[in-house]
Amino acid sequence: MAIVQTGATQTFTALGGANTGTVSTTITVPADAELALALWSGGGVAANFFSGGSMTFTKGGADTAMTSVTGGDADGFSWCCGYFYLTLPDTGSNKTLKWDWSGTGTADANSMCTLSFWKGLDTTSPVRASGAGQNTTNTPYTTGSISGATGDLAIAGVGAFSTGAGSVNTWSNLTSVTQTTSGSAFSALATGSPSGASTYAASTDTNLADGSIVVATFKVAASTFVPPEFVDWHDGYFDPELVSY
C-alpha cells in the first residue's frame, strides 16, 4: 500500500481582494479520497496572515476547519504559501472550500488555490512532521530537516511571486506534480519519498522572485498482516473469508 493522489489537481485563480471568501461551491471529490489538501499562493499583509486564519471544506455536510501547516507565511510581507489539509472529506459533487484570513487585511488579487486529493494514508494521525522555508528575494526556498520514514509521502507546496511564466526547474528530494502561473502568482505541488530525515527545496527557477515552501510528511496507512499460522486454506487456495483469528 502507498499514498497516492486520486483525481485531478484543481486550480482556482484570481481569488484575492477579500479577507473572507469562497474558492468554489462546485468541487467534486473522488469517491476514494481520504485527504483534501489546499495550497494557497498569495502576497500577505502580516506575519502568519494565512496560517493564522482558516480554510474550511465540506465534511459531514458542514464547513469544517482544515488543519494548517505553519511556516510558509512567517514573513507575511513576502509572497507566501498557505498549506491546509483535512482527512476524510465528504466525497461526491458540489463540495465547498472557503477562506477566512487573520485580521481584516486582504490577499493579493492574483492569489490562487491549488486543491488535490490523496488516499492510502493514516487518517487517524496523518502527519509525521512538517517544516517550511521562505526566501524574500529568489530561490532556493528551503526547509530545515523534516522527519520521515519509509512508506511516508512528503507533499510540498510552493507559493511564489512570478515575473512571467514561472517554473521550478530543479528540486531537492522532490518531484514536481503540477505547476501553475496566473498573473503574478505561482503555485507548485511536489512529492518525495523519504526514508529518514530530509531537507526539501525548490532549488532553481525561471521567472520567480520571493516565495516559500511548506512540506509535510504523511504516514502511510498500516497494512493488514495475517501471520501464516492463522491462514486458512480452502481447496489448496487462500480464502480470505476463512481466515481465523
Protein backbone atom coordinates (compact mmCIF):
# COMPACT_ATOMS: atom_id res chain seq x y z
CA MET A 1 0.00 0.00 0.00
CA ALA A 2 1.23 3.51 -0.79
CA ILE A 3 -0.05 7.06 -0.53
CA VAL A 4 -1.12 8.25 -3.98
CA GLN A 5 -3.07 11.10 -5.48
CA THR A 6 -6.62 10.39 -6.55
CA GLY A 7 -8.42 12.55 -9.11
CA ALA A 8 -7.01 15.57 -10.89
CA THR A 9 -5.37 18.59 -9.28
CA GLN A 10 -7.77 21.54 -9.34
CA THR A 11 -6.54 25.15 -9.57
CA PHE A 12 -8.59 28.27 -8.81
CA THR A 13 -7.13 31.66 -9.75
CA ALA A 14 -7.65 35.39 -9.07
CA LEU A 15 -9.03 34.82 -5.56
CA GLY A 16 -7.63 37.84 -3.69
CA GLY A 17 -9.22 41.13 -2.74
CA ALA A 18 -11.24 39.95 0.28
CA ASN A 19 -10.48 38.83 3.83
CA THR A 20 -13.10 36.09 3.63
CA GLY A 21 -14.46 34.30 0.60
CA THR A 22 -15.34 31.11 -1.23
CA VAL A 23 -12.94 29.31 -3.53
CA SER A 24 -15.73 27.19 -5.06
CA THR A 25 -19.02 25.52 -4.16
CA THR A 26 -18.94 23.04 -7.05
CA ILE A 27 -15.90 20.91 -6.17
CA THR A 28 -16.10 17.20 -6.98
CA VAL A 29 -14.25 14.90 -4.56
CA PRO A 30 -13.25 11.40 -5.76
CA ALA A 31 -15.10 8.55 -4.06
CA ASP A 32 -11.88 7.08 -2.65
CA ALA A 33 -10.38 10.35 -1.33
CA GLU A 34 -9.05 10.22 2.23
CA LEU A 35 -7.33 13.62 2.35
CA ALA A 36 -8.06 17.04 0.91
CA LEU A 37 -5.01 19.31 0.55
CA ALA A 38 -5.39 23.02 -0.23
CA LEU A 39 -2.38 25.21 -1.08
CA TRP A 40 -2.72 28.99 -1.16
CA SER A 41 -0.25 31.12 -3.09
CA GLY A 42 -0.54 34.82 -2.32
CA GLY A 43 1.04 38.02 -1.12
CA GLY A 44 0.22 38.60 2.52
CA VAL A 45 -0.04 41.72 4.68
CA ALA A 46 1.27 40.43 8.02
CA ALA A 47 3.14 37.52 9.56
CA ASN A 48 1.02 34.35 9.70
CA PHE A 49 -1.70 36.05 7.67
CA PHE A 50 -2.83 32.80 6.03
CA SER A 51 -1.81 30.17 8.61
CA GLY A 52 -3.29 32.27 11.42
CA GLY A 53 -6.61 32.32 9.59
CA SER A 54 -8.54 29.32 8.32
CA MET A 55 -9.78 27.33 5.37
CA THR A 56 -12.84 25.09 5.58
CA PHE A 57 -14.03 22.18 3.47
CA THR A 58 -17.20 20.11 3.41
CA LYS A 59 -17.19 17.23 5.89
CA GLY A 60 -20.28 15.71 7.46
CA GLY A 61 -22.32 18.09 5.33
CA ALA A 62 -20.84 21.17 7.05
CA ASP A 63 -17.98 23.65 6.58
CA THR A 64 -15.20 22.02 8.62
CA ALA A 65 -11.89 23.61 9.60
CA MET A 66 -8.83 22.24 7.84
CA THR A 67 -5.55 21.81 9.72
CA SER A 68 -2.97 24.48 8.93
CA VAL A 69 0.72 23.64 8.49
CA THR A 70 2.53 26.80 9.53
CA GLY A 71 5.73 28.47 8.39
CA GLY A 72 5.01 29.38 4.79
CA ASP A 73 3.96 32.92 5.75
CA ALA A 74 6.28 33.67 8.67
CA ASP A 75 7.42 36.76 6.74
CA GLY A 76 3.99 37.97 5.75
CA PHE A 77 5.32 40.83 3.65
CA SER A 78 6.86 38.44 1.12
CA TRP A 79 4.99 36.07 -1.19
CA CYS A 80 3.65 33.18 0.88
CA CYS A 81 2.36 29.63 0.77
CA GLY A 82 -0.60 28.63 2.93
CA TYR A 83 -0.97 24.87 3.49
CA PHE A 84 -4.17 23.22 4.77
CA TYR A 85 -5.38 19.61 4.96
CA LEU A 86 -8.46 17.68 6.08
CA THR A 87 -8.85 13.92 6.46
CA LEU A 88 -11.94 12.05 5.30
CA PRO A 89 -13.69 14.90 3.48
CA ASP A 90 -17.17 14.35 2.06
CA THR A 91 -16.98 12.78 -1.39
CA GLY A 92 -19.10 13.46 -4.45
CA SER A 93 -20.13 16.68 -6.17
CA ASN A 94 -20.80 20.25 -5.07
CA LYS A 95 -18.43 20.44 -2.09
CA THR A 96 -17.29 23.83 -0.78
CA LEU A 97 -13.89 25.34 0.01
CA LYS A 98 -13.77 28.71 1.83
CA TRP A 99 -11.18 31.01 3.44
CA ASP A 100 -11.09 33.48 6.34
CA TRP A 101 -7.71 35.14 6.82
CA SER A 102 -6.28 36.56 10.03
CA GLY A 103 -7.30 40.09 10.93
CA THR A 104 -9.02 42.25 8.34
CA GLY A 105 -6.40 42.52 5.58
CA THR A 106 -6.79 41.16 2.07
CA ALA A 107 -4.51 38.97 0.00
CA ASP A 108 -3.03 39.99 -3.34
CA ALA A 109 -5.67 39.95 -6.08
CA ASN A 110 -3.68 37.37 -8.07
CA SER A 111 -3.78 34.81 -5.25
CA MET A 112 -4.57 31.24 -6.27
CA CYS A 113 -5.57 28.00 -4.57
CA THR A 114 -4.49 24.51 -5.62
CA LEU A 115 -6.63 21.60 -4.38
CA SER A 116 -5.68 17.93 -4.53
CA PHE A 117 -6.92 14.66 -3.02
CA TRP A 118 -4.97 11.67 -1.69
CA LYS A 119 -5.52 8.14 -0.40
CA GLY A 120 -3.58 5.35 1.33
CA LEU A 121 -2.61 7.36 4.42
CA ASP A 122 -3.14 7.02 8.15
CA THR A 123 -6.35 9.02 8.58
CA THR A 124 -6.20 8.97 12.40
CA SER A 125 -2.73 10.53 12.73
CA PRO A 126 -1.78 11.58 9.20
CA VAL A 127 1.29 13.83 9.60
CA ARG A 128 4.64 12.68 10.97
CA ALA A 129 6.40 16.04 10.73
CA SER A 130 6.40 19.31 8.81
CA GLY A 131 8.57 22.29 8.02
CA ALA A 132 8.80 25.37 5.83
CA GLY A 133 11.16 27.99 4.49
CA GLN A 134 10.98 31.39 2.80
CA ASN A 135 13.33 33.45 0.69
CA THR A 136 12.50 37.14 0.34
CA THR A 137 14.45 37.55 -2.90
CA ASN A 138 14.59 34.37 -5.02
CA THR A 139 15.10 30.59 -4.97
CA PRO A 140 16.12 28.40 -3.31
CA TYR A 141 13.13 28.04 -0.99
CA THR A 142 14.43 25.50 1.53
CA THR A 143 13.09 23.72 4.59
CA GLY A 144 15.05 22.56 7.58
CA SER A 145 15.37 18.85 8.31
CA ILE A 146 11.96 17.12 8.43
CA SER A 147 11.46 13.66 9.91
CA GLY A 148 10.24 10.90 7.60
CA ALA A 149 10.10 7.13 7.39
CA THR A 150 9.98 4.52 4.66
CA GLY A 151 6.46 4.46 3.23
CA ASP A 152 5.78 8.11 4.06
CA LEU A 153 4.95 10.60 1.33
CA ALA A 154 6.37 14.11 1.57
CA ILE A 155 3.93 16.55 -0.04
CA ALA A 156 5.29 20.02 -0.76
CA GLY A 157 3.56 23.24 -1.68
CA VAL A 158 5.32 26.28 -3.15
CA GLY A 159 3.93 29.79 -3.44
CA ALA A 160 5.97 32.46 -5.20
CA PHE A 161 5.81 35.83 -6.93
CA SER A 162 6.21 35.37 -10.67
CA THR A 163 7.62 37.92 -13.09
CA GLY A 164 6.50 35.89 -16.11
CA ALA A 165 5.69 32.28 -16.92
CA GLY A 166 7.22 30.85 -13.77
CA SER A 167 8.62 27.39 -13.07
CA VAL A 168 10.68 25.49 -10.55
CA ASN A 169 13.37 23.88 -12.69
CA THR A 170 15.15 21.72 -10.13
CA TRP A 171 14.10 20.31 -6.76
CA SER A 172 15.87 18.73 -3.80
CA ASN A 173 14.30 15.43 -2.64
CA LEU A 174 11.09 16.26 -4.51
CA THR A 175 9.48 15.62 -7.90
CA SER A 176 7.06 18.07 -9.48
CA VAL A 177 3.38 17.13 -9.68
CA THR A 178 1.95 20.33 -11.09
CA GLN A 179 2.98 23.98 -11.61
CA THR A 180 0.75 26.94 -12.45
CA THR A 181 1.26 30.66 -13.08
CA SER A 182 -1.62 33.13 -13.01
CA GLY A 183 -0.75 36.81 -13.20
CA SER A 184 1.95 37.38 -10.59
CA ALA A 185 1.04 34.25 -8.60
CA PHE A 186 2.91 30.96 -8.95
CA SER A 187 1.93 27.69 -7.28
CA ALA A 188 3.57 24.26 -7.35
CA LEU A 189 2.79 20.87 -5.86
CA ALA A 190 5.56 18.27 -5.49
CA THR A 191 6.14 14.97 -3.70
CA GLY A 192 9.03 12.96 -2.28
CA SER A 193 9.63 9.54 -0.72
CA PRO A 194 11.70 9.88 2.45
CA SER A 195 13.49 7.06 4.23
CA GLY A 196 14.57 9.26 7.11
CA ALA A 197 15.00 12.92 7.97
CA SER A 198 15.40 15.09 4.85
CA THR A 199 15.69 18.71 3.77
CA TYR A 200 13.48 19.77 0.85
CA ALA A 201 13.86 22.64 -1.59
CA ALA A 202 12.64 24.33 -4.73
CA SER A 203 16.22 24.86 -5.86
CA THR A 204 16.31 26.79 -9.14
CA ASP A 205 13.69 28.58 -11.19
CA THR A 206 12.62 30.62 -14.17
CA ASN A 207 10.88 33.97 -13.53
CA LEU A 208 10.34 33.52 -9.79
CA ALA A 209 11.23 36.03 -7.08
CA ASP A 210 10.27 35.89 -3.39
CA GLY A 211 8.43 32.79 -2.23
CA SER A 212 8.13 29.93 0.20
CA ILE A 213 7.89 26.15 0.51
CA VAL A 214 5.89 24.10 3.00
CA VAL A 215 6.32 20.32 3.38
CA ALA A 216 4.52 17.72 5.48
CA THR A 217 5.43 14.03 5.64
CA PHE A 218 2.25 11.95 5.62
CA LYS A 219 2.22 8.48 7.19
CA VAL A 220 1.10 5.51 5.12
CA ALA A 221 -1.87 3.51 6.37
CA ALA A 222 -0.97 0.44 8.41
CA SER A 223 -1.12 -2.73 6.33
CA THR A 224 -3.13 -5.74 7.43
CA PHE A 225 -0.86 -8.71 8.07
CA VAL A 226 -2.16 -12.18 8.83
CA PRO A 227 0.50 -14.49 10.36
CA PRO A 228 0.85 -17.75 8.39
CA GLU A 229 -0.27 -19.86 11.34
CA PHE A 230 -3.65 -18.13 11.21
CA VAL A 231 -4.17 -18.50 7.45
CA ASP A 232 -6.96 -20.89 6.47
CA TRP A 233 -6.60 -22.66 3.10
CA HIS A 234 -9.54 -23.94 1.07
CA ASP A 235 -9.05 -26.48 -1.73
CA GLY A 236 -5.39 -25.52 -1.99
CA TYR A 237 -6.07 -21.75 -2.30
CA PHE A 238 -6.03 -18.99 0.26
CA ASP A 239 -9.62 -17.94 1.04
CA PRO A 240 -9.82 -14.63 2.94
CA GLU A 241 -13.35 -15.49 4.07
CA LEU A 242 -11.95 -18.43 6.06
CA VAL A 243 -9.17 -16.60 7.91
CA SER A 244 -9.20 -17.39 11.64
CA TYR A 245 -8.00 -15.02 14.35
